[in-house]
């Protein structure tokens, strides 16, 4: 259980460890009459709290606090023990004790600061009327060679995670580990993501302890008809569990969501049980033409993956593959959705008329080769991305302002590029990454805005979402 103190999520034992160690650091400055009982009480609380933290699982954020505890315990207890033995306590001179106290307090403060900056994520409960189930499938496209391997007969294989409306009452213990079946799988994926971002693994090690609301292979909800479909592509190096919050939210509101891994692009995925790591094929080389071709090739592969997965979902619905979703997928009401590079791929996939709606979440279109399309679309942008890239909005305008159907661009105030992913729950709240909005607020507003658009485009009037979208941010309508 975590408690919240001024925005810092810490367990009761972590809080006690911080407070008791701070008291031990300050006890030298207390009145002489209370030093002994306060020192003994604080020492007992600190030792018990530290032992319980070590036994129950110590977060790396609390290591500085434990170091401070080890430093101050002797200074706080030795005078008490000397006094108890009838010997005169020795006290460090004040001009040495003062900077020492300040240094220890600063060390103690590192713990809560780290817990605030890099917290253990807590996935918000989905707000829709349905519980959420999830399962992982793997599909091989016999028509497409895998261009990243040397095997002549190798075909493109796409791992897909499905999130769907499930029957309520599933065991809480069965909830997924950050979208994975096991904690070890979640750790492997998170370590690969840390490597791809160039950050030390330990900084995000707490992420894999987070449990989602989704239960693997939970029974599909009954008596609810057929569900519209969302096919989702993550950003560069992103994995199918990069946007669990949005996937769960859409599923709880009556959509079946297919989140994709893109092998050799995603930081880590598994095909045929074997780990496949990223070969980031469009890292900047300095050659403009080569870089342009790499971006276009990446978008083309992703768009082909999106189209292929929709075809496989059609097969599931027809019962050509055993699935609890047989007869429950309304693939005639399908949306292509993505974040960052995945957003550009979703727009590229819209050339397939089977998709009835498209959403691009903060995905730039430069060099992506996206052409105008006829379906209704929503592009969500962050002020950070717009300000950092002068071509961001003009590139979107060039696609959205054509094609006939009503299209929207919604700029969400206070958001950054990662505000739309689960990273918002555990990355440092740097304005360049997460904007200035609250950690979970960007995800909540994105879920509300995208659902309003999807409900309108797939379940109602394609032009009827403007009023609700405009309530969330700065809206541009293309008609």
Protein backbone atom coordinates (compact mmCIF):
# COMPACT_ATOMS: atom_id res chain seq x y z
CA UNK A 1 0.00 0.00 0.00
CA UNK A 2 1.33 3.42 -0.93
CA UNK A 3 0.58 6.67 0.80
CA UNK A 4 0.80 10.07 -0.86
CA UNK A 5 2.60 12.97 0.78
CA UNK A 6 2.66 16.16 -1.30
CA UNK A 7 2.64 14.14 -4.49
CA UNK A 8 5.26 11.57 -3.36
CA UNK A 9 3.94 8.01 -3.27
CA UNK A 10 5.61 6.06 -0.46
CA UNK A 11 4.65 3.09 1.68
CA UNK A 12 4.04 3.66 5.42
CA UNK A 13 7.33 1.94 6.25
CA UNK A 14 9.19 4.14 3.80
CA UNK A 15 7.65 7.21 5.39
CA UNK A 16 8.60 6.00 8.86
CA UNK A 17 12.17 5.32 7.72
CA UNK A 18 12.47 8.85 6.35
CA UNK A 19 10.92 10.58 9.36
CA UNK A 20 12.74 8.55 12.03
CA UNK A 21 16.11 9.02 10.31
CA UNK A 22 15.45 12.76 10.05
CA UNK A 23 14.71 12.85 13.78
CA UNK A 24 17.96 11.02 14.51
CA UNK A 25 19.83 13.57 12.41
CA UNK A 26 18.25 16.46 14.31
CA UNK A 27 18.21 15.04 17.84
CA UNK A 28 21.59 16.61 18.67
CA UNK A 29 19.83 20.00 18.55
CA UNK A 30 16.93 18.99 20.81
CA UNK A 31 16.77 20.13 24.46
CA UNK A 32 18.96 17.97 26.69
CA UNK A 33 16.00 16.58 28.62
CA UNK A 34 14.38 14.92 25.60
CA UNK A 35 17.39 13.74 23.64
CA UNK A 36 17.64 10.32 25.27
CA UNK A 37 13.99 9.15 24.91
CA UNK A 38 13.68 10.68 21.45
CA UNK A 39 16.93 9.04 20.29
CA UNK A 40 15.88 5.62 21.56
CA UNK A 41 12.37 5.82 20.10
CA UNK A 42 13.57 7.09 16.72
CA UNK A 43 16.32 4.46 16.57
CA UNK A 44 13.88 1.63 17.24
CA UNK A 45 11.44 2.91 14.59
CA UNK A 46 14.23 3.42 12.05
CA UNK A 47 15.72 -0.05 12.55
CA UNK A 48 12.33 -1.78 12.38
CA UNK A 49 11.30 0.20 9.29
CA UNK A 50 14.58 -0.53 7.51
CA UNK A 51 14.42 -4.25 8.32
CA UNK A 52 10.84 -4.48 7.05
CA UNK A 53 11.77 -2.64 3.87
CA UNK A 54 14.69 -4.99 3.22
CA UNK A 55 12.52 -8.05 3.83
CA UNK A 56 9.51 -6.84 1.83
CA UNK A 57 11.51 -5.49 -1.09
CA UNK A 58 13.60 -2.35 -0.97
CA UNK A 59 13.10 0.24 -3.67
CA UNK A 60 16.32 1.79 -4.92
CA UNK A 61 14.90 5.25 -4.18
CA UNK A 62 15.23 4.53 -0.44
CA UNK A 63 18.91 3.51 -0.54
CA UNK A 64 20.09 7.06 0.32
CA UNK A 65 17.77 7.04 3.33
CA UNK A 66 19.25 3.75 4.52
CA UNK A 67 22.74 5.17 4.08
CA UNK A 68 21.75 8.18 6.18
CA UNK A 69 20.31 5.83 8.83
CA UNK A 70 23.62 4.00 9.04
CA UNK A 71 25.46 7.31 9.44
CA UNK A 72 23.30 8.90 12.14
CA UNK A 73 22.56 5.86 14.32
CA UNK A 74 26.01 5.81 15.99
CA UNK A 75 26.02 9.59 16.53
CA UNK A 76 22.55 9.47 18.07
CA UNK A 77 22.95 6.34 20.20
CA UNK A 78 26.54 6.49 21.47
CA UNK A 79 25.88 9.53 23.72
CA UNK A 80 22.81 7.78 25.12
CA UNK A 81 24.73 4.57 25.82
CA UNK A 82 27.59 6.46 27.45
CA UNK A 83 25.15 8.29 29.67
CA UNK A 84 23.44 5.02 30.59
CA UNK A 85 26.84 3.58 31.57
CA UNK A 86 27.43 6.55 33.86
CA UNK A 87 29.98 8.15 31.60
CA UNK A 88 29.84 11.69 30.35
CA UNK A 89 28.44 11.92 26.80
CA UNK A 90 30.77 13.36 24.20
CA UNK A 91 29.24 15.82 21.82
CA UNK A 92 30.61 16.99 18.52
CA UNK A 93 31.26 20.72 18.47
CA UNK A 94 28.37 22.66 17.01
CA UNK A 95 30.35 24.12 14.14
CA UNK A 96 31.13 20.58 12.96
CA UNK A 97 27.70 19.17 13.78
CA UNK A 98 25.80 21.83 11.86
CA UNK A 99 27.19 21.09 8.38
CA UNK A 100 27.08 17.36 9.18
CA UNK A 101 23.40 17.59 10.07
CA UNK A 102 22.69 19.55 6.89
CA UNK A 103 24.55 16.98 4.78
CA UNK A 104 22.65 14.07 6.30
CA UNK A 105 19.30 15.83 5.88
CA UNK A 106 20.17 16.43 2.24
CA UNK A 107 20.98 12.73 1.84
CA UNK A 108 17.67 11.80 3.45
CA UNK A 109 15.81 14.17 1.11
CA UNK A 110 17.20 12.35 -1.91
CA UNK A 111 14.90 9.40 -1.12
CA UNK A 112 11.54 11.23 -1.30
CA UNK A 113 12.85 13.29 -4.22
CA UNK A 114 13.73 10.14 -6.16
CA UNK A 115 10.37 8.58 -5.24
CA UNK A 116 8.65 11.68 -6.61
CA UNK A 117 10.73 11.97 -9.78
CA UNK A 118 10.79 8.24 -10.63
CA UNK A 119 7.83 6.67 -8.85
CA UNK A 120 6.48 3.16 -8.94
CA UNK A 121 3.65 3.50 -11.46
CA UNK A 122 0.08 2.96 -10.40
CA UNK A 123 -2.22 2.26 -13.34
CA UNK A 124 -5.48 4.17 -13.00
CA UNK A 125 -8.58 2.01 -12.94
CA UNK A 126 -10.43 2.04 -16.28
CA UNK A 127 -13.57 4.15 -16.10
CA UNK A 128 -15.82 2.18 -18.48
CA UNK A 129 -18.56 -0.26 -17.55
CA UNK A 130 -16.59 -3.40 -18.46
CA UNK A 131 -13.78 -5.32 -16.81
CA UNK A 132 -10.75 -5.90 -19.04
CA UNK A 133 -9.27 -9.12 -20.34
CA UNK A 134 -6.12 -9.57 -22.38
CA UNK A 135 -4.36 -12.23 -24.42
CA UNK A 136 -1.31 -12.41 -26.71
CA UNK A 137 -1.31 -13.86 -30.22
CA UNK A 138 1.34 -14.18 -32.89
CA UNK A 139 0.54 -14.06 -36.57
CA UNK A 140 2.78 -14.71 -39.58
CA UNK A 141 2.04 -13.07 -42.92
CA UNK A 142 2.77 -15.62 -45.67
CA UNK A 143 2.77 -12.84 -48.29
CA UNK A 144 5.56 -10.72 -46.78
CA UNK A 145 9.22 -11.70 -46.46
CA UNK A 146 10.97 -10.53 -43.29
CA UNK A 147 13.41 -7.98 -44.66
CA UNK A 148 15.50 -7.78 -41.47
CA UNK A 149 16.75 -11.36 -41.58
CA UNK A 150 18.92 -13.28 -44.01
CA UNK A 151 16.69 -16.36 -44.04
CA UNK A 152 15.20 -16.64 -47.57
CA UNK A 153 12.01 -18.34 -46.35
CA UNK A 154 11.47 -16.13 -43.31
CA UNK A 155 8.10 -14.34 -43.28
CA UNK A 156 6.98 -11.29 -41.33
CA UNK A 157 5.64 -12.28 -37.88
CA UNK A 158 3.69 -9.77 -35.79
CA UNK A 159 3.03 -10.33 -32.05
CA UNK A 160 -0.29 -8.77 -31.01
CA UNK A 161 -1.86 -8.21 -27.60
CA UNK A 162 -5.65 -8.05 -27.48
CA UNK A 163 -7.49 -6.07 -24.79
CA UNK A 164 -11.22 -6.71 -24.62
CA UNK A 165 -14.35 -6.25 -22.49
CA UNK A 166 -14.38 -9.13 -20.00
CA UNK A 167 -16.71 -10.58 -17.45
CA UNK A 168 -16.42 -8.96 -14.04
CA UNK A 169 -15.31 -10.77 -10.90
CA UNK A 170 -11.93 -12.12 -12.06
CA UNK A 171 -9.32 -12.83 -9.38
CA UNK A 172 -7.22 -9.78 -8.60
CA UNK A 173 -4.14 -11.98 -8.32
CA UNK A 174 -4.45 -12.82 -12.02
CA UNK A 175 -3.88 -9.23 -13.17
CA UNK A 176 -1.01 -8.87 -15.59
CA UNK A 177 2.48 -7.65 -14.71
CA UNK A 178 2.68 -4.44 -16.72
CA UNK A 179 0.81 -6.26 -19.48
CA UNK A 180 3.01 -9.38 -19.33
CA UNK A 181 2.13 -12.84 -18.06
CA UNK A 182 5.13 -13.01 -15.73
CA UNK A 183 7.23 -10.52 -13.80
CA UNK A 184 10.36 -11.80 -15.57
CA UNK A 185 8.93 -11.09 -19.02
CA UNK A 186 7.98 -7.60 -17.86
CA UNK A 187 11.53 -7.06 -16.55
CA UNK A 188 13.08 -8.23 -19.82
CA UNK A 189 10.95 -5.82 -21.84
CA UNK A 190 11.52 -2.91 -19.45
CA UNK A 191 15.28 -3.47 -19.46
CA UNK A 192 15.27 -3.42 -23.26
CA UNK A 193 13.28 -0.18 -23.25
CA UNK A 194 15.73 1.37 -20.78
CA UNK A 195 18.62 0.35 -23.03
CA UNK A 196 16.90 1.87 -26.06
CA UNK A 197 16.44 5.19 -24.23
CA UNK A 198 20.00 5.07 -22.92
CA UNK A 199 19.06 5.21 -19.23
CA UNK A 200 20.30 2.97 -16.40
CA UNK A 201 18.02 -0.01 -15.91
CA UNK A 202 17.70 0.44 -12.16
CA UNK A 203 16.00 3.81 -12.61
CA UNK A 204 12.90 2.11 -14.04
CA UNK A 205 13.19 -1.23 -12.23
CA UNK A 206 10.06 -0.50 -10.16
CA UNK A 207 7.89 -0.36 -13.27
CA UNK A 208 7.62 -4.13 -13.56
CA UNK A 209 6.01 -4.44 -10.14
CA UNK A 210 2.96 -2.52 -11.35
CA UNK A 211 -0.16 -4.61 -11.88
CA UNK A 212 -2.70 -3.68 -14.52
CA UNK A 213 -6.47 -4.06 -14.41
CA UNK A 214 -6.38 -6.65 -17.20
CA UNK A 215 -6.60 -10.38 -16.54
CA UNK A 216 -5.07 -12.81 -19.03
CA UNK A 217 -7.56 -14.97 -20.92
CA UNK A 218 -10.53 -13.72 -18.90
CA UNK A 219 -13.94 -14.74 -20.31
CA UNK A 220 -15.40 -12.26 -22.77
CA UNK A 221 -18.38 -10.32 -21.46
CA UNK A 222 -21.68 -11.85 -22.53
CA UNK A 223 -24.81 -10.32 -24.06
CA UNK A 224 -23.03 -7.21 -25.33
CA UNK A 225 -23.10 -7.77 -29.08
CA UNK A 226 -20.15 -7.11 -31.34
CA UNK A 227 -17.35 -4.69 -30.50
CA UNK A 228 -15.65 -2.13 -32.76
CA UNK A 229 -11.93 -2.70 -33.26
CA UNK A 230 -8.87 -0.51 -32.65
CA UNK A 231 -5.47 -1.49 -34.11
CA UNK A 232 -2.72 0.41 -32.28
CA UNK A 233 0.92 1.03 -33.26
CA UNK A 234 3.40 2.39 -30.64
CA UNK A 235 6.20 4.87 -31.20
CA UNK A 236 9.77 4.11 -32.27
CA UNK A 237 11.23 1.32 -30.10
CA UNK A 238 7.84 1.15 -28.39
CA UNK A 239 6.28 -2.16 -27.45
CA UNK A 240 2.72 -3.41 -27.34
CA UNK A 241 2.58 -2.57 -23.61
CA UNK A 242 3.71 1.05 -24.00
CA UNK A 243 0.16 2.39 -23.72
CA UNK A 244 -1.64 0.05 -21.33
CA UNK A 245 -3.64 2.88 -19.78
CA UNK A 246 -5.26 3.81 -23.10
CA UNK A 247 -5.75 0.19 -24.20
CA UNK A 248 -7.49 -0.71 -20.93
CA UNK A 249 -9.62 2.41 -21.04
CA UNK A 250 -10.82 1.74 -24.59
CA UNK A 251 -11.53 -1.92 -23.77
CA UNK A 252 -13.51 -0.94 -20.67
CA UNK A 253 -15.64 1.30 -22.90
CA UNK A 254 -16.56 -1.46 -25.30
CA UNK A 255 -13.75 -1.71 -27.87
CA UNK A 256 -11.44 -4.60 -28.71
CA UNK A 257 -7.93 -3.18 -28.92
CA UNK A 258 -5.04 -4.86 -30.74
CA UNK A 259 -1.69 -3.38 -29.68
CA UNK A 260 1.24 -4.34 -31.89
CA UNK A 261 4.87 -5.15 -31.52
CA UNK A 262 6.84 -4.33 -34.67
CA UNK A 263 9.71 -6.86 -34.71
CA UNK A 264 13.18 -5.36 -35.23
CA UNK A 265 11.70 -1.95 -34.33
CA UNK A 266 10.18 -2.61 -30.90
CA UNK A 267 12.86 -2.61 -28.18
CA UNK A 268 12.12 -6.25 -27.42
CA UNK A 269 9.52 -8.71 -28.57
CA UNK A 270 9.23 -12.46 -28.80
CA UNK A 271 8.51 -14.44 -31.96
CA UNK A 272 8.34 -18.21 -31.78
CA UNK A 273 9.40 -17.81 -28.15
CA UNK A 274 12.71 -16.20 -29.12
CA UNK A 275 13.68 -12.65 -28.13
CA UNK A 276 13.90 -10.19 -31.02
CA UNK A 277 15.63 -6.89 -30.30
CA UNK A 278 15.39 -3.59 -32.10
CA UNK A 279 17.50 -2.74 -35.11
CA UNK A 280 16.65 0.93 -35.09
CA UNK A 281 16.78 1.29 -38.82
CA UNK A 282 16.20 5.02 -39.05
CA UNK A 283 18.78 6.39 -36.64
CA UNK A 284 20.01 9.72 -38.00
CA UNK A 285 22.99 9.21 -40.30
CA UNK A 286 23.55 12.77 -41.48
CA UNK A 287 22.64 11.81 -45.04
CA UNK A 288 19.26 13.54 -45.64
CA UNK A 289 18.20 11.29 -48.49
CA UNK A 290 19.17 8.11 -46.65
CA UNK A 291 17.39 9.28 -43.52
CA UNK A 292 14.26 10.16 -45.52
CA UNK A 293 14.18 6.70 -47.11
CA UNK A 294 14.63 5.06 -43.71
CA UNK A 295 11.66 6.90 -42.22
CA UNK A 296 9.47 6.06 -45.20
CA UNK A 297 10.49 2.40 -45.08
CA UNK A 298 9.76 2.22 -41.36
CA UNK A 299 6.30 3.74 -41.79
CA UNK A 300 5.53 1.42 -44.72
CA UNK A 301 6.41 -1.70 -42.70
CA UNK A 302 4.34 -0.54 -39.74
CA UNK A 303 1.36 0.34 -41.95
CA UNK A 304 1.56 -3.10 -43.56
CA UNK A 305 1.59 -4.67 -40.07
CA UNK A 306 -1.53 -2.68 -39.13
CA UNK A 307 -3.39 -3.74 -42.27
CA UNK A 308 -2.32 -7.37 -41.81
CA UNK A 309 -3.55 -7.45 -38.20
CA UNK A 310 -6.96 -6.15 -39.24
CA UNK A 311 -7.19 -9.01 -41.73
CA UNK A 312 -6.31 -11.49 -38.98
CA UNK A 313 -8.99 -10.03 -36.74
CA UNK A 314 -11.47 -10.61 -39.54
CA UNK A 315 -10.38 -14.26 -39.58
CA UNK A 316 -10.85 -14.48 -35.80
CA UNK A 317 -14.36 -13.14 -36.08
CA UNK A 318 -15.21 -15.66 -38.81
CA UNK A 319 -13.93 -18.50 -36.64
CA UNK A 320 -11.05 -19.45 -38.94
CA UNK A 321 -8.83 -19.47 -35.86
CA UNK A 322 -9.91 -20.67 -32.42
CA UNK A 323 -10.65 -17.65 -30.24
CA UNK A 324 -13.03 -16.47 -27.55
CA UNK A 325 -13.64 -13.47 -29.84
CA UNK A 326 -15.30 -15.54 -32.56
CA UNK A 327 -18.36 -13.67 -33.82
CA UNK A 328 -17.78 -10.74 -31.46
CA UNK A 329 -15.60 -8.42 -33.56
CA UNK A 330 -17.21 -5.73 -35.68
CA UNK A 331 -14.31 -5.31 -38.07
CA UNK A 332 -16.50 -3.15 -40.31
CA UNK A 333 -16.08 -0.53 -37.62
CA UNK A 334 -12.30 -0.44 -37.25
CA UNK A 335 -9.88 2.36 -36.42
CA UNK A 336 -6.15 2.65 -37.05
CA UNK A 337 -4.52 4.44 -34.10
CA UNK A 338 -0.92 5.15 -33.14
CA UNK A 339 1.43 7.29 -31.10
CA UNK A 340 4.45 9.14 -32.50
CA UNK A 341 5.83 7.09 -35.42
CA UNK A 342 2.88 4.76 -34.89
CA UNK A 343 0.55 7.71 -35.50
CA UNK A 344 2.16 8.34 -38.88
CA UNK A 345 1.82 4.61 -39.65
CA UNK A 346 -1.88 4.71 -38.70
CA UNK A 347 -2.42 7.53 -41.17
CA UNK A 348 -0.51 5.60 -43.83
CA UNK A 349 -2.67 2.54 -43.14
CA UNK A 350 -5.77 4.63 -43.86
CA UNK A 351 -5.24 3.98 -47.56
CA UNK A 352 -6.96 0.70 -46.67
CA UNK A 353 -10.67 1.56 -46.86
CA UNK A 354 -11.51 -1.13 -44.28
CA UNK A 355 -10.48 1.37 -41.62
CA UNK A 356 -13.37 3.67 -40.85
CA UNK A 357 -11.43 6.13 -38.65
CA UNK A 358 -7.85 7.18 -37.91
CA UNK A 359 -6.13 8.70 -34.87
CA UNK A 360 -2.59 10.07 -34.86
CA UNK A 361 -1.40 10.86 -31.32
CA UNK A 362 1.49 13.34 -31.51
CA UNK A 363 2.99 11.72 -34.57
CA UNK A 364 4.91 13.88 -37.02
CA UNK A 365 4.55 13.17 -40.73
CA UNK A 366 7.85 14.49 -42.05
CA UNK A 367 9.28 12.04 -44.64
CA UNK A 368 6.55 9.49 -43.77
CA UNK A 369 4.99 9.64 -47.24
CA UNK A 370 1.44 9.86 -45.87
CA UNK A 371 -1.15 10.73 -48.50
CA UNK A 372 -4.61 12.26 -47.92
CA UNK A 373 -7.38 9.78 -47.19
CA UNK A 374 -11.17 9.78 -47.10
CA UNK A 375 -11.89 8.60 -43.54
CA UNK A 376 -12.57 10.90 -40.56
CA UNK A 377 -9.42 11.48 -38.52
CA UNK A 378 -8.20 12.99 -35.28
CA UNK A 379 -4.67 14.26 -34.77
CA UNK A 380 -3.73 15.03 -31.16
CA UNK A 381 -0.71 17.26 -30.68
CA UNK A 382 1.29 18.43 -27.68
CA UNK A 383 2.50 22.03 -27.37
CA UNK A 384 6.02 20.70 -26.79
CA UNK A 385 6.11 18.81 -30.11
CA UNK A 386 4.56 21.74 -31.97
CA UNK A 387 7.07 24.22 -30.54
CA UNK A 388 10.09 21.98 -31.18
CA UNK A 389 9.25 21.20 -34.82
CA UNK A 390 8.18 24.03 -37.09
CA UNK A 391 6.99 21.53 -39.73
CA UNK A 392 4.81 19.52 -37.33
CA UNK A 393 1.51 21.35 -37.86
CA UNK A 394 2.00 22.25 -41.57
CA UNK A 395 2.72 18.58 -42.35
CA UNK A 396 -0.48 17.55 -40.57
CA UNK A 397 -2.45 20.31 -42.29
CA UNK A 398 -1.29 19.05 -45.68
CA UNK A 399 -2.99 15.69 -45.02
CA UNK A 400 -5.94 16.61 -42.82
CA UNK A 401 -7.17 19.43 -45.04
CA UNK A 402 -7.92 17.02 -47.88
CA UNK A 403 -9.93 13.87 -48.44
CA UNK A 404 -13.50 15.00 -47.86
CA UNK A 405 -14.40 13.60 -44.43
CA UNK A 406 -14.40 15.78 -41.32
CA UNK A 407 -11.01 15.75 -39.64
CA UNK A 408 -9.74 17.34 -36.44
CA UNK A 409 -6.51 18.49 -34.86
CA UNK A 410 -6.65 18.82 -31.08
CA UNK A 411 -3.77 20.51 -29.27
CA UNK A 412 -3.88 19.45 -25.62
CA UNK A 413 -2.55 22.19 -23.29
CA UNK A 414 0.26 21.27 -20.93
CA UNK A 415 1.13 17.94 -22.55
CA UNK A 416 4.47 16.65 -23.81
CA UNK A 417 5.32 13.85 -26.20
CA UNK A 418 5.31 11.14 -23.51
CA UNK A 419 2.16 12.41 -21.77
CA UNK A 420 0.19 10.02 -24.00
CA UNK A 421 2.05 6.85 -22.93
CA UNK A 422 2.48 4.91 -19.71
CA UNK A 423 5.89 6.56 -19.33
CA UNK A 424 3.99 9.55 -17.97
CA UNK A 425 3.38 7.50 -14.82
CA UNK A 426 7.04 6.85 -14.02
CA UNK A 427 9.37 9.11 -16.04
CA UNK A 428 10.82 12.26 -14.42
CA UNK A 429 8.27 15.08 -14.81
CA UNK A 430 10.49 17.12 -17.12
CA UNK A 431 8.55 19.68 -19.20
CA UNK A 432 10.47 18.59 -22.31
CA UNK A 433 9.07 15.05 -21.91
CA UNK A 434 5.78 15.34 -20.05
CA UNK A 435 4.88 19.00 -20.40
CA UNK A 436 3.40 20.60 -17.30
CA UNK A 437 0.22 18.56 -16.93
CA UNK A 438 -0.25 16.12 -14.02
CA UNK A 439 1.19 12.65 -14.68
CA UNK A 440 -2.14 10.90 -15.20
CA UNK A 441 -4.06 13.89 -16.52
CA UNK A 442 -2.63 13.74 -20.02
CA UNK A 443 -3.65 10.10 -20.30
CA UNK A 444 -7.13 10.78 -18.92
CA UNK A 445 -7.82 13.65 -21.31
CA UNK A 446 -6.41 11.65 -24.23
CA UNK A 447 -8.67 8.71 -23.37
CA UNK A 448 -11.73 10.97 -23.14
CA UNK A 449 -10.96 12.81 -26.39
CA UNK A 450 -10.11 9.72 -28.43
CA UNK A 451 -13.17 7.83 -27.14
CA UNK A 452 -15.42 10.78 -28.02
CA UNK A 453 -14.02 10.76 -31.54
CA UNK A 454 -14.22 6.97 -31.91
CA UNK A 455 -17.77 6.85 -30.58
CA UNK A 456 -18.72 9.51 -33.11
CA UNK A 457 -16.86 8.04 -36.09
CA UNK A 458 -17.61 4.36 -35.48
CA UNK A 459 -20.87 4.42 -33.57
CA UNK A 460 -22.61 7.63 -34.56
CA UNK A 461 -22.33 10.84 -36.57
CA UNK A 462 -18.80 11.20 -38.03
CA UNK A 463 -19.09 14.98 -37.82
CA UNK A 464 -20.58 15.15 -34.36
CA UNK A 465 -17.47 15.09 -32.14
CA UNK A 466 -16.44 18.76 -32.44
CA UNK A 467 -18.28 19.98 -29.35
CA UNK A 468 -16.81 17.40 -27.00
CA UNK A 469 -13.32 17.59 -28.49
CA UNK A 470 -13.27 21.36 -28.18
CA UNK A 471 -13.86 21.06 -24.44
CA UNK A 472 -10.47 19.36 -24.03
CA UNK A 473 -8.15 21.74 -25.86
CA UNK A 474 -7.53 23.93 -28.88
CA UNK A 475 -9.47 22.39 -31.77
CA UNK A 476 -9.03 22.87 -35.51
CA UNK A 477 -11.71 21.38 -37.74
CA UNK A 478 -11.05 20.43 -41.38
CA UNK A 479 -14.18 19.99 -43.50
